[in-house]
Amino acid sequence: MPALTAMPKFAVFFADGAGFGIEMVQALDAAHAQDIARAQHPQGRLSAVPAELLDGQDRHKLLEE
């Protein structure tokens, strides 16, 4: 039986008519993370990065940038 591995986490940055933010998603890759977030933000702009890249970062400051 193959070992189960946890799916990696991604931070999906979104901006749509309702606002902007970061949504954490478990996905196979960045494209899959965007597909998952697209359900909540169908008209928004999306960008996904591995969640570990945000470790130690101020997320509010990232959103401002």
N, C-alpha and C. Protein backbone atom coordinates (compact mmCIF):
# COMPACT_ATOMS: atom_id res chain seq x y z
N MET A 1 0.85 -1.17 0.00
CA MET A 1 0.00 0.00 0.00
C MET A 1 0.90 1.24 0.00
N PRO A 2 0.68 2.19 -0.94
CA PRO A 2 1.54 3.38 -0.98
C PRO A 2 1.31 4.28 0.22
N ALA A 3 2.36 4.96 0.61
CA ALA A 3 2.27 5.89 1.74
C ALA A 3 1.48 7.12 1.32
N LEU A 4 0.64 7.59 2.22
CA LEU A 4 -0.12 8.80 1.95
C LEU A 4 0.75 10.01 2.23
N THR A 5 0.75 10.95 1.32
CA THR A 5 1.50 12.18 1.54
C THR A 5 0.52 13.34 1.56
N ALA A 6 0.79 14.28 2.39
CA ALA A 6 -0.08 15.45 2.50
C ALA A 6 0.11 16.34 1.27
N MET A 7 -0.98 16.89 0.80
CA MET A 7 -0.88 17.82 -0.32
C MET A 7 -0.24 19.10 0.19
N PRO A 8 0.58 19.72 -0.64
CA PRO A 8 1.20 20.98 -0.22
C PRO A 8 0.17 22.10 -0.09
N LYS A 9 0.53 23.08 0.70
CA LYS A 9 -0.34 24.24 0.90
C LYS A 9 0.14 25.38 0.00
N PHE A 10 -0.83 26.13 -0.52
CA PHE A 10 -0.54 27.28 -1.36
C PHE A 10 -1.29 28.48 -0.82
N ALA A 11 -0.69 29.64 -0.97
CA ALA A 11 -1.35 30.89 -0.66
C ALA A 11 -1.85 31.45 -1.98
N VAL A 12 -3.16 31.62 -2.07
CA VAL A 12 -3.75 32.17 -3.29
C VAL A 12 -4.13 33.62 -3.01
N PHE A 13 -3.49 34.53 -3.70
CA PHE A 13 -3.83 35.94 -3.62
C PHE A 13 -4.98 36.18 -4.59
N PHE A 14 -6.01 36.89 -4.13
CA PHE A 14 -7.14 37.15 -5.02
C PHE A 14 -7.55 38.61 -4.93
N ALA A 15 -8.11 39.09 -6.02
CA ALA A 15 -8.68 40.43 -6.09
C ALA A 15 -9.90 40.34 -6.99
N ASP A 16 -11.04 40.74 -6.43
CA ASP A 16 -12.27 40.72 -7.22
C ASP A 16 -13.15 41.89 -6.79
N GLY A 17 -14.37 41.93 -7.28
CA GLY A 17 -15.27 43.03 -6.97
C GLY A 17 -15.59 43.17 -5.50
N ALA A 18 -15.45 42.08 -4.74
CA ALA A 18 -15.75 42.11 -3.31
C ALA A 18 -14.56 42.54 -2.47
N GLY A 19 -13.37 42.60 -3.05
CA GLY A 19 -12.18 42.99 -2.30
C GLY A 19 -10.97 42.17 -2.70
N PHE A 20 -10.04 42.04 -1.77
CA PHE A 20 -8.83 41.29 -2.04
C PHE A 20 -8.37 40.60 -0.77
N GLY A 21 -7.52 39.59 -0.92
CA GLY A 21 -7.03 38.87 0.24
C GLY A 21 -6.16 37.71 -0.14
N ILE A 22 -5.91 36.87 0.84
CA ILE A 22 -5.11 35.66 0.67
C ILE A 22 -5.92 34.50 1.21
N GLU A 23 -6.03 33.45 0.43
CA GLU A 23 -6.74 32.25 0.85
C GLU A 23 -5.74 31.09 0.84
N MET A 24 -5.69 30.35 1.94
CA MET A 24 -4.80 29.19 2.02
C MET A 24 -5.54 27.97 1.49
N VAL A 25 -4.86 27.21 0.60
CA VAL A 25 -5.48 26.09 -0.09
C VAL A 25 -4.49 24.93 -0.14
N GLN A 26 -5.00 23.71 0.06
CA GLN A 26 -4.19 22.52 -0.17
C GLN A 26 -4.47 22.05 -1.58
N ALA A 27 -3.41 21.87 -2.36
CA ALA A 27 -3.58 21.52 -3.77
C ALA A 27 -2.35 20.77 -4.27
N LEU A 28 -2.49 20.20 -5.45
CA LEU A 28 -1.40 19.46 -6.07
C LEU A 28 -0.28 20.37 -6.55
N ASP A 29 -0.66 21.53 -7.10
CA ASP A 29 0.30 22.51 -7.60
C ASP A 29 -0.38 23.88 -7.63
N ALA A 30 0.36 24.89 -8.07
CA ALA A 30 -0.17 26.26 -8.07
C ALA A 30 -1.40 26.40 -8.96
N ALA A 31 -1.39 25.77 -10.12
CA ALA A 31 -2.53 25.85 -11.03
C ALA A 31 -3.78 25.22 -10.39
N HIS A 32 -3.60 24.10 -9.71
CA HIS A 32 -4.71 23.44 -9.02
C HIS A 32 -5.23 24.34 -7.90
N ALA A 33 -4.33 25.01 -7.18
CA ALA A 33 -4.74 25.92 -6.11
C ALA A 33 -5.60 27.05 -6.67
N GLN A 34 -5.22 27.57 -7.83
CA GLN A 34 -6.01 28.63 -8.46
C GLN A 34 -7.37 28.10 -8.88
N ASP A 35 -7.42 26.88 -9.40
CA ASP A 35 -8.69 26.27 -9.79
C ASP A 35 -9.63 26.15 -8.58
N ILE A 36 -9.08 25.76 -7.45
CA ILE A 36 -9.88 25.61 -6.23
C ILE A 36 -10.41 26.98 -5.79
N ALA A 37 -9.56 27.99 -5.78
CA ALA A 37 -9.96 29.33 -5.35
C ALA A 37 -10.93 29.96 -6.35
N ARG A 38 -10.85 29.57 -7.60
CA ARG A 38 -11.73 30.13 -8.63
C ARG A 38 -13.21 29.91 -8.29
N ALA A 39 -13.52 28.85 -7.55
CA ALA A 39 -14.91 28.58 -7.15
C ALA A 39 -15.45 29.72 -6.27
N GLN A 40 -14.60 30.31 -5.43
CA GLN A 40 -15.02 31.40 -4.55
C GLN A 40 -14.85 32.77 -5.20
N HIS A 41 -13.97 32.85 -6.19
CA HIS A 41 -13.64 34.12 -6.83
C HIS A 41 -13.67 33.95 -8.35
N PRO A 42 -14.86 33.68 -8.92
CA PRO A 42 -14.94 33.35 -10.34
C PRO A 42 -14.53 34.48 -11.28
N GLN A 43 -14.67 35.72 -10.87
CA GLN A 43 -14.33 36.84 -11.75
C GLN A 43 -13.03 37.53 -11.32
N GLY A 44 -12.38 37.01 -10.32
CA GLY A 44 -11.22 37.70 -9.77
C GLY A 44 -9.90 37.35 -10.44
N ARG A 45 -8.91 38.15 -10.11
CA ARG A 45 -7.54 37.85 -10.53
C ARG A 45 -6.93 37.00 -9.42
N LEU A 46 -6.22 35.95 -9.80
CA LEU A 46 -5.65 35.02 -8.84
C LEU A 46 -4.17 34.80 -9.11
N SER A 47 -3.43 34.57 -8.05
CA SER A 47 -2.03 34.20 -8.14
C SER A 47 -1.73 33.29 -6.96
N ALA A 48 -1.06 32.17 -7.21
CA ALA A 48 -0.78 31.21 -6.15
C ALA A 48 0.73 31.01 -5.99
N VAL A 49 1.16 30.92 -4.73
CA VAL A 49 2.56 30.64 -4.41
C VAL A 49 2.59 29.60 -3.29
N PRO A 50 3.66 28.81 -3.20
CA PRO A 50 3.75 27.87 -2.08
C PRO A 50 3.66 28.61 -0.75
N ALA A 51 2.87 28.07 0.17
CA ALA A 51 2.62 28.74 1.45
C ALA A 51 3.90 28.97 2.24
N GLU A 52 4.88 28.10 2.11
CA GLU A 52 6.10 28.27 2.90
C GLU A 52 6.86 29.55 2.51
N LEU A 53 6.59 30.09 1.33
CA LEU A 53 7.24 31.34 0.95
C LEU A 53 6.73 32.52 1.78
N LEU A 54 5.58 32.34 2.44
CA LEU A 54 5.02 33.41 3.27
C LEU A 54 5.42 33.29 4.73
N ASP A 55 6.11 32.20 5.09
CA ASP A 55 6.53 32.02 6.48
C ASP A 55 7.35 33.22 6.94
N GLY A 56 6.94 33.81 8.05
CA GLY A 56 7.65 34.94 8.61
C GLY A 56 7.35 36.27 7.94
N GLN A 57 6.48 36.28 6.93
CA GLN A 57 6.15 37.50 6.21
C GLN A 57 4.89 38.13 6.82
N ASP A 58 4.81 39.43 6.74
CA ASP A 58 3.61 40.16 7.18
C ASP A 58 2.61 40.12 6.01
N ARG A 59 1.54 39.34 6.16
CA ARG A 59 0.60 39.16 5.06
C ARG A 59 -0.14 40.45 4.72
N HIS A 60 -0.40 41.29 5.70
CA HIS A 60 -1.06 42.56 5.42
C HIS A 60 -0.18 43.44 4.53
N LYS A 61 1.12 43.44 4.81
CA LYS A 61 2.06 44.22 4.01
C LYS A 61 2.14 43.65 2.58
N LEU A 62 2.12 42.33 2.47
CA LEU A 62 2.14 41.71 1.15
C LEU A 62 0.93 42.12 0.32
N LEU A 63 -0.24 42.18 0.96
CA LEU A 63 -1.44 42.59 0.25
C LEU A 63 -1.36 44.04 -0.20
N GLU A 64 -0.77 44.90 0.61
CA GLU A 64 -0.61 46.29 0.23
C GLU A 64 0.27 46.43 -1.01
N GLU A 65 1.30 45.59 -1.07
CA GLU A 65 2.24 45.64 -2.20
C GLU A 65 1.60 45.08 -3.43
